[in-house]
Structure formats: structure tokens, C-alpha cells
């Protein structure tokens, strides 16, 4: 296109329309008038992203082998069997060894929490939906994925499914400013709401303004009605700072998430909620305190020291 007055005017008009659509979409939420267009985009471009990922990634088919873990009572045994099969399929290079470790962690957290999961891999970051912290994963409606399903990895809460195409889905990450999840504190069961702050720690508002909380305390998801969008017991993070101004209706905490949102590769979508709340059983083991060395000083008489008895 030639640089003319008409072409510049058209460019300005297109930019204005784009910002208007983003604003309408954000304010509309689930009932956004452009939600249909978003689904159409997911259906059109999702297979392209998926195809490109599969073409350059031989591990993709192995990851998709994780399926619903069967009956609730023998879920852990089934997951272990599937994990062994995956190990046989994966190669021995460094990248695949890293993915194998991630798969082990995802299956462990699914077994401990009794979550039925679908394994997936991240095939794209970001999206055309706005300036959000999102990822695209290689499972969709054809795999039983639905909107508002919990997404986790071997460390804890990753986010929730927001858009589903036939073979891919978009996940809103837990550190996105539009993300909110109910939390429960380990031990004292204090409830709150965690919100994303981009690359900063999560902000948590406890409902009890006088709650006793300290650095190092840990939080898990409280869970939603009918387990959507969040199942209970998924590790969220560790308290890194407590707002000193207490006594109000709520108390503000800052929580370092367990998940590193810039290093996502293998994740699991929870397609079946646990029969009962796993409470704190999915949290990682607490690090053992390092004992403080004790120094004992023993005074040994010198050989040149005079004998007290002889002096008398």
C-alpha cells in the first residue's frame, strides 16, 4: 500500500477499532459480544499452532497419551502405569529428560490430589485476545476439555481454561491481573482471594482482618461450586510478605507462586474433580530446618602449667 493520506487515515481507523473491541471484550467478560469471534479464531488458528508444534516436537504424541485416569479408587495405579509407558516412548536427550521429569511431577500431584487429568503441552504463549498472560495448549473440545477447567503442573496452580477450540485451548494464567482464585491457608484454614499481578507476587486479601499469618505460610485453592473453575487443594504459593497495616476488614498478603509462569511446558487439565477435598496433602514437603552447629570448647591444661599441689 502506498503511503498516502487515505492509507494513513485507514490505519488510524483500524487501530481505533481494535482498541474499541479490546475494551468491549474485557468489560463483557464471559458475555462478551466478541466471544463468538474468539471461538472462531481458536478453531481456525488452533490447528495451525498445533500442527507446527507437532512437526518440530516428537514428544507431543507421548504427552497426549495421558488420559482420564479411570475409576477413582485405582487412579494412582493407572497413572503410574501410563507414566511407565511414557518413559518407554520418550528419548534420552536433555529436552526429553526434562519433560519426563515434568510428567512425573504432574502425575504425582494428580495422584495425591485424586484429580483426573488430561495431559497437554504448551504450544504458544500470548493470544490475539488482548494484553493478557495466556498460553495455548494442544488439547481441546475433541479431548473433552471445557471452559473453566483448572490447569495445573507439577508445582501447583497454572490457571484456568477460558477458550476452547476443537484441538486447542487458551489458558488464563494465575498471574494475570484479571485472574482471581479463592484460597485457603494451611493449618489455620483462613480464607481469602488471590489476584494476579503480572511478574510480581500474587496479592491475597484474607477475609479475616485479624488473621495470624507469617512469612512462609502456604496456601492452596479453596475450590469452587461444582469444582469449576477451580478444584480444591491445588498448591498456590508461599507468603513472602504481610502488609503490616492490620485491623481492617481484610488483611493483605503477598504470595510467591509455586509455578514459574515463564517456564511452562507440560501441564494437566483437571477433567474430573476429586471425590473429597484433598486439603493440604498435595502441598510439597516442608524443607527440613538446617540445624545450627554447636561449638563446644574444652580447656586442656598445658604441660608447662605448674601443678597446684606441688606449689602448696
Protein backbone atom coordinates (compact mmCIF):
# COMPACT_ATOMS: atom_id res chain seq x y z
CA UNK A 1 0.00 0.00 0.00
CA UNK A 2 1.34 3.44 -0.95
CA UNK A 3 1.87 5.99 1.81
CA UNK A 4 -0.97 8.36 1.04
CA UNK A 5 -3.30 10.43 3.15
CA UNK A 6 -6.06 7.88 2.62
CA UNK A 7 -3.85 4.94 3.70
CA UNK A 8 -2.76 6.73 6.89
CA UNK A 9 -6.38 7.55 7.72
CA UNK A 10 -7.34 3.89 7.20
CA UNK A 11 -4.53 2.74 9.55
CA UNK A 12 -5.66 5.12 12.31
CA UNK A 13 -9.25 3.91 11.89
CA UNK A 14 -8.23 0.24 12.16
CA UNK A 15 -6.19 0.87 15.33
CA UNK A 16 -9.15 2.74 16.90
CA UNK A 17 -11.49 -0.15 16.07
CA UNK A 18 -9.03 -2.69 17.54
CA UNK A 19 -8.80 -0.81 20.87
CA UNK A 20 -12.58 -0.44 20.97
CA UNK A 21 -13.03 -4.21 20.52
CA UNK A 22 -10.48 -4.97 23.26
CA UNK A 23 -12.32 -2.64 25.66
CA UNK A 24 -15.72 -4.18 24.86
CA UNK A 25 -14.27 -7.70 25.24
CA UNK A 26 -12.70 -7.02 28.65
CA UNK A 27 -15.84 -5.38 30.03
CA UNK A 28 -18.11 -8.05 28.61
CA UNK A 29 -16.29 -10.97 30.29
CA UNK A 30 -18.00 -14.28 29.61
CA UNK A 31 -20.87 -12.49 27.83
CA UNK A 32 -18.57 -10.51 25.57
CA UNK A 33 -20.13 -9.75 22.16
CA UNK A 34 -16.87 -10.83 20.50
CA UNK A 35 -16.79 -14.20 22.25
CA UNK A 36 -18.08 -15.88 19.09
CA UNK A 37 -15.26 -14.38 17.05
CA UNK A 38 -12.75 -15.60 19.63
CA UNK A 39 -14.06 -19.15 19.34
CA UNK A 40 -13.89 -18.92 15.57
CA UNK A 41 -10.28 -17.75 15.79
CA UNK A 42 -9.44 -20.63 18.11
CA UNK A 43 -10.97 -23.07 15.65
CA UNK A 44 -9.14 -21.52 12.68
CA UNK A 45 -5.68 -20.92 14.12
CA UNK A 46 -5.50 -23.59 16.82
CA UNK A 47 -4.82 -26.47 14.41
CA UNK A 48 -2.09 -24.40 12.75
CA UNK A 49 -0.31 -23.85 16.07
CA UNK A 50 -0.84 -27.48 16.98
CA UNK A 51 0.47 -28.67 13.62
CA UNK A 52 3.58 -26.52 13.81
CA UNK A 53 4.29 -27.77 17.31
CA UNK A 54 3.84 -31.42 16.32
CA UNK A 55 6.07 -31.01 13.26
CA UNK A 56 9.03 -29.90 15.34
CA UNK A 57 8.32 -31.82 18.52
CA UNK A 58 8.44 -35.66 18.57
CA UNK A 59 7.39 -35.73 22.22
CA UNK A 60 3.92 -34.29 21.54
CA UNK A 61 2.28 -37.63 20.83
CA UNK A 62 3.71 -39.09 24.02
CA UNK A 63 2.33 -36.26 26.13
CA UNK A 64 -1.15 -36.71 24.67
CA UNK A 65 -1.08 -40.32 25.86
CA UNK A 66 -2.07 -39.18 29.35
CA UNK A 67 -5.80 -39.73 29.55
CA UNK A 68 -8.51 -39.73 32.17
CA UNK A 69 -7.17 -41.83 34.96
CA UNK A 70 -10.05 -44.28 35.16
CA UNK A 71 -12.00 -45.17 38.29
CA UNK A 72 -11.36 -43.09 41.36
CA UNK A 73 -10.11 -45.94 43.52
CA UNK A 74 -7.31 -47.19 41.27
CA UNK A 75 -6.45 -43.82 39.69
CA UNK A 76 -2.94 -43.67 41.14
CA UNK A 77 -2.06 -47.17 39.92
CA UNK A 78 -3.35 -46.31 36.45
CA UNK A 79 -1.35 -43.10 36.34
CA UNK A 80 1.82 -44.94 37.35
CA UNK A 81 1.25 -47.47 34.56
CA UNK A 82 0.74 -44.70 31.99
CA UNK A 83 3.84 -42.93 33.27
CA UNK A 84 5.89 -46.08 32.73
CA UNK A 85 4.59 -46.31 29.16
CA UNK A 86 5.52 -42.69 28.54
CA UNK A 87 9.02 -43.27 29.82
CA UNK A 88 9.44 -46.04 27.27
CA UNK A 89 8.31 -43.73 24.46
CA UNK A 90 10.46 -40.78 25.36
CA UNK A 91 14.00 -40.46 24.10
CA UNK A 92 17.12 -39.83 26.13
CA UNK A 93 18.12 -36.33 25.02
CA UNK A 94 18.22 -33.46 27.51
CA UNK A 95 14.94 -31.87 26.44
CA UNK A 96 13.01 -35.10 26.71
CA UNK A 97 14.59 -35.90 30.07
CA UNK A 98 13.38 -32.52 31.31
CA UNK A 99 9.87 -33.24 30.03
CA UNK A 100 9.93 -36.65 31.61
CA UNK A 101 10.66 -35.04 34.99
CA UNK A 102 7.75 -32.65 34.43
CA UNK A 103 5.43 -35.54 33.57
CA UNK A 104 6.49 -37.36 36.72
CA UNK A 105 5.62 -34.31 38.82
CA UNK A 106 2.24 -33.76 37.11
CA UNK A 107 1.27 -37.41 37.63
CA UNK A 108 2.41 -37.26 41.26
CA UNK A 109 0.29 -34.20 42.04
CA UNK A 110 -2.69 -35.76 40.20
CA UNK A 111 -2.35 -38.97 42.18
CA UNK A 112 -2.02 -37.25 45.55
CA UNK A 113 -4.98 -34.97 44.90
CA UNK A 114 -7.02 -37.70 43.14
CA UNK A 115 -7.55 -35.42 40.15
CA UNK A 116 -8.49 -36.93 36.80
CA UNK A 117 -6.34 -35.08 34.24
CA UNK A 118 -5.66 -34.73 30.55
CA UNK A 119 -2.01 -34.15 29.77
CA UNK A 120 -1.10 -31.29 27.46
CA UNK A 121 1.86 -29.30 26.27
CA UNK A 122 2.18 -25.58 25.76
CA UNK A 123 2.37 -24.75 22.05
CA UNK A 124 2.09 -20.95 22.15
CA UNK A 125 2.20 -18.03 24.54
CA UNK A 126 0.01 -14.98 24.47
CA UNK A 127 -3.01 -14.65 22.21
CA UNK A 128 -4.92 -12.32 19.96
CA UNK A 129 -7.48 -11.73 22.72
CA UNK A 130 -5.76 -8.76 24.33
CA UNK A 131 -2.80 -7.98 26.51
CA UNK A 132 -3.16 -10.97 28.82
CA UNK A 133 -0.93 -13.59 30.41
CA UNK A 134 -2.13 -16.63 28.47
CA UNK A 135 -0.88 -19.84 26.93
CA UNK A 136 -2.26 -22.14 24.24
CA UNK A 137 -2.25 -25.89 24.90
CA UNK A 138 -2.65 -28.76 22.43
CA UNK A 139 -5.92 -30.23 23.74
CA UNK A 140 -9.45 -29.00 23.08
CA UNK A 141 -13.11 -29.96 22.80
CA UNK A 142 -12.22 -33.15 20.93
CA UNK A 143 -10.29 -34.24 24.04
CA UNK A 144 -13.11 -33.44 26.47
CA UNK A 145 -11.79 -30.04 27.50
CA UNK A 146 -14.37 -27.44 28.56
CA UNK A 147 -14.26 -23.84 29.61
CA UNK A 148 -13.49 -23.10 33.29
CA UNK A 149 -11.43 -26.22 33.97
CA UNK A 150 -8.48 -25.99 36.36
CA UNK A 151 -4.99 -26.23 34.84
CA UNK A 152 -2.01 -27.31 36.93
CA UNK A 153 1.52 -28.61 36.55
CA UNK A 154 3.87 -30.48 38.84
CA UNK A 155 4.38 -27.40 41.03
CA UNK A 156 0.82 -26.14 41.50
CA UNK A 157 -1.86 -23.89 40.04
CA UNK A 158 -1.22 -22.71 36.46
CA UNK A 159 -4.58 -21.13 35.61
CA UNK A 160 -8.00 -21.89 34.11
CA UNK A 161 -9.29 -22.66 30.64
CA UNK A 162 -11.02 -19.65 29.07
CA UNK A 163 -11.47 -20.53 25.38
CA UNK A 164 -11.83 -23.98 23.80
CA UNK A 165 -11.34 -24.85 20.15
CA UNK A 166 -11.61 -28.32 18.58
CA UNK A 167 -7.97 -29.25 19.19
CA UNK A 168 -6.50 -26.40 21.26
CA UNK A 169 -7.45 -24.32 24.29
CA UNK A 170 -6.46 -20.98 25.78
CA UNK A 171 -5.48 -20.83 29.45
CA UNK A 172 -5.55 -17.62 31.51
CA UNK A 173 -2.53 -17.78 33.82
CA UNK A 174 -2.85 -17.23 37.57
CA UNK A 175 -0.57 -14.18 37.46
CA UNK A 176 -2.82 -12.28 35.05
CA UNK A 177 -4.35 -9.13 36.62
CA UNK A 178 -7.84 -10.37 35.64
CA UNK A 179 -7.32 -13.70 37.42
CA UNK A 180 -8.85 -14.34 40.87
CA UNK A 181 -8.99 -17.59 42.86
CA UNK A 182 -10.29 -18.45 46.32
CA UNK A 183 -7.55 -19.62 48.68
CA UNK A 184 -7.28 -21.44 52.00
CA UNK A 185 -4.29 -21.18 54.29
CA UNK A 186 -2.59 -24.32 55.51
CA UNK A 187 -3.10 -25.05 59.19
CA UNK A 188 -5.49 -22.27 60.28
CA UNK A 189 -7.87 -22.52 57.27
CA UNK A 190 -8.10 -18.74 56.83
CA UNK A 191 -9.91 -17.95 53.57
CA UNK A 192 -9.03 -15.28 51.04
CA UNK A 193 -8.87 -14.30 47.39
CA UNK A 194 -5.64 -14.25 45.37
CA UNK A 195 -5.24 -11.96 42.35
CA UNK A 196 -2.50 -11.88 39.72
CA UNK A 197 -0.06 -9.00 39.41
CA UNK A 198 1.94 -9.93 36.33
CA UNK A 199 5.56 -10.59 37.17
CA UNK A 200 5.05 -9.55 40.81
CA UNK A 201 3.85 -11.80 43.68
CA UNK A 202 0.15 -12.65 43.91
CA UNK A 203 -1.91 -10.30 46.09
CA UNK A 204 -4.13 -12.09 48.61
CA UNK A 205 -6.92 -10.46 50.61
CA UNK A 206 -7.76 -12.55 53.69
CA UNK A 207 -11.37 -12.27 54.81
CA UNK A 208 -10.27 -12.08 58.45
CA UNK A 209 -8.51 -8.76 59.06
CA UNK A 210 -7.02 -10.07 62.31
CA UNK A 211 -5.81 -13.40 60.98
CA UNK A 212 -2.48 -14.60 62.33
CA UNK A 213 -0.18 -15.11 59.38
CA UNK A 214 3.57 -15.01 58.84
CA UNK A 215 6.14 -15.26 56.11
CA UNK A 216 6.49 -18.85 54.89
CA UNK A 217 2.83 -19.82 55.41
CA UNK A 218 1.38 -21.75 52.46
CA UNK A 219 -1.89 -21.51 50.51
CA UNK A 220 -3.96 -23.89 48.39
CA UNK A 221 -7.08 -23.37 46.27
CA UNK A 222 -10.32 -23.35 48.24
CA UNK A 223 -12.34 -24.81 45.38
CA UNK A 224 -15.45 -23.62 43.56
CA UNK A 225 -19.02 -24.83 43.45
CA UNK A 226 -19.19 -27.92 41.25
CA UNK A 227 -15.35 -27.69 41.06
CA UNK A 228 -15.48 -25.05 38.30
CA UNK A 229 -13.39 -23.14 37.62
CA UNK A 230 -11.23 -24.45 40.48
CA UNK A 231 -10.86 -27.78 42.21
CA UNK A 232 -9.75 -27.72 45.87
CA UNK A 233 -6.32 -28.41 47.29
CA UNK A 234 -4.07 -27.27 44.43
CA UNK A 235 -0.90 -25.56 45.78
CA UNK A 236 -0.93 -21.80 45.12
CA UNK A 237 2.17 -20.36 46.79
CA UNK A 238 4.08 -19.22 49.87
CA UNK A 239 3.58 -16.00 51.81
CA UNK A 240 6.54 -13.71 51.11
CA UNK A 241 5.29 -10.54 52.80
CA UNK A 242 2.48 -9.50 55.14
CA UNK A 243 1.07 -5.99 54.95
CA UNK A 244 1.81 -4.56 58.42
CA UNK A 245 -1.36 -2.43 58.45
CA UNK A 246 -3.77 -4.86 60.12
CA UNK A 247 -7.04 -4.42 61.97
CA UNK A 248 -9.22 -3.67 58.92
CA UNK A 249 -11.96 -5.79 57.42
CA UNK A 250 -9.38 -7.73 55.40
CA UNK A 251 -5.66 -8.42 55.60
CA UNK A 252 -3.33 -8.17 52.63
CA UNK A 253 -0.62 -10.73 51.90
CA UNK A 254 1.85 -11.10 49.04
CA UNK A 255 2.39 -14.66 47.90
CA UNK A 256 5.18 -16.08 45.74
CA UNK A 257 3.51 -18.66 43.46
CA UNK A 258 4.87 -22.18 43.24
CA UNK A 259 4.59 -22.10 39.44
CA UNK A 260 7.11 -20.27 37.27
CA UNK A 261 4.86 -18.78 34.59
CA UNK A 262 7.74 -18.13 32.20
CA UNK A 263 8.84 -21.80 32.13
CA UNK A 264 5.64 -23.65 31.28
CA UNK A 265 5.82 -26.73 29.06
CA UNK A 266 3.92 -29.79 30.34
CA UNK A 267 0.59 -29.18 32.12
CA UNK A 268 -2.52 -31.11 33.11
CA UNK A 269 -6.16 -30.07 32.71
CA UNK A 270 -8.37 -31.37 35.53
CA UNK A 271 -11.31 -33.07 33.81
CA UNK A 272 -12.52 -34.92 36.91
CA UNK A 273 -12.64 -33.40 40.40
CA UNK A 274 -11.65 -35.45 43.46
CA UNK A 275 -14.37 -37.16 45.49
CA UNK A 276 -13.30 -35.23 48.58
CA UNK A 277 -11.17 -32.19 49.30
CA UNK A 278 -7.51 -33.28 49.49
CA UNK A 279 -6.92 -30.40 51.92
CA UNK A 280 -3.15 -29.90 52.35
CA UNK A 281 -1.97 -33.32 51.14
CA UNK A 282 -0.85 -32.04 47.73
CA UNK A 283 1.49 -29.41 49.19
CA UNK A 284 5.17 -30.26 48.81
CA UNK A 285 7.05 -31.49 51.86
CA UNK A 286 8.33 -28.65 54.01
CA UNK A 287 12.10 -28.21 53.88
CA UNK A 288 13.81 -29.58 56.95
CA UNK A 289 15.35 -26.89 59.14
CA UNK A 290 19.13 -26.77 58.98
CA UNK A 291 20.49 -27.48 62.47
CA UNK A 292 22.62 -24.74 63.98
CA UNK A 293 26.10 -26.09 64.67
CA UNK A 294 27.06 -26.10 68.34
CA UNK A 295 30.67 -25.35 69.19
CA UNK A 296 31.99 -26.87 72.42
CA UNK A 297 35.24 -25.53 73.80
CA UNK A 298 37.21 -27.85 76.06
CA UNK A 299 40.06 -26.35 78.07
CA UNK A 300 43.07 -28.68 78.28
CA UNK A 301 45.74 -27.84 80.87
CA UNK A 302 49.11 -27.05 79.33
CA UNK A 303 52.00 -29.43 80.00
CA UNK A 304 54.07 -26.45 81.21
CA UNK A 305 51.46 -25.33 83.71
CA UNK A 306 52.65 -25.74 87.33
CA UNK A 307 50.98 -28.38 89.49
CA UNK A 308 48.83 -26.67 92.10
CA UNK A 309 49.51 -29.43 94.66
CA UNK A 310 53.29 -29.07 94.26
CA UNK A 311 53.04 -25.29 94.76
CA UNK A 312 51.39 -25.89 98.14
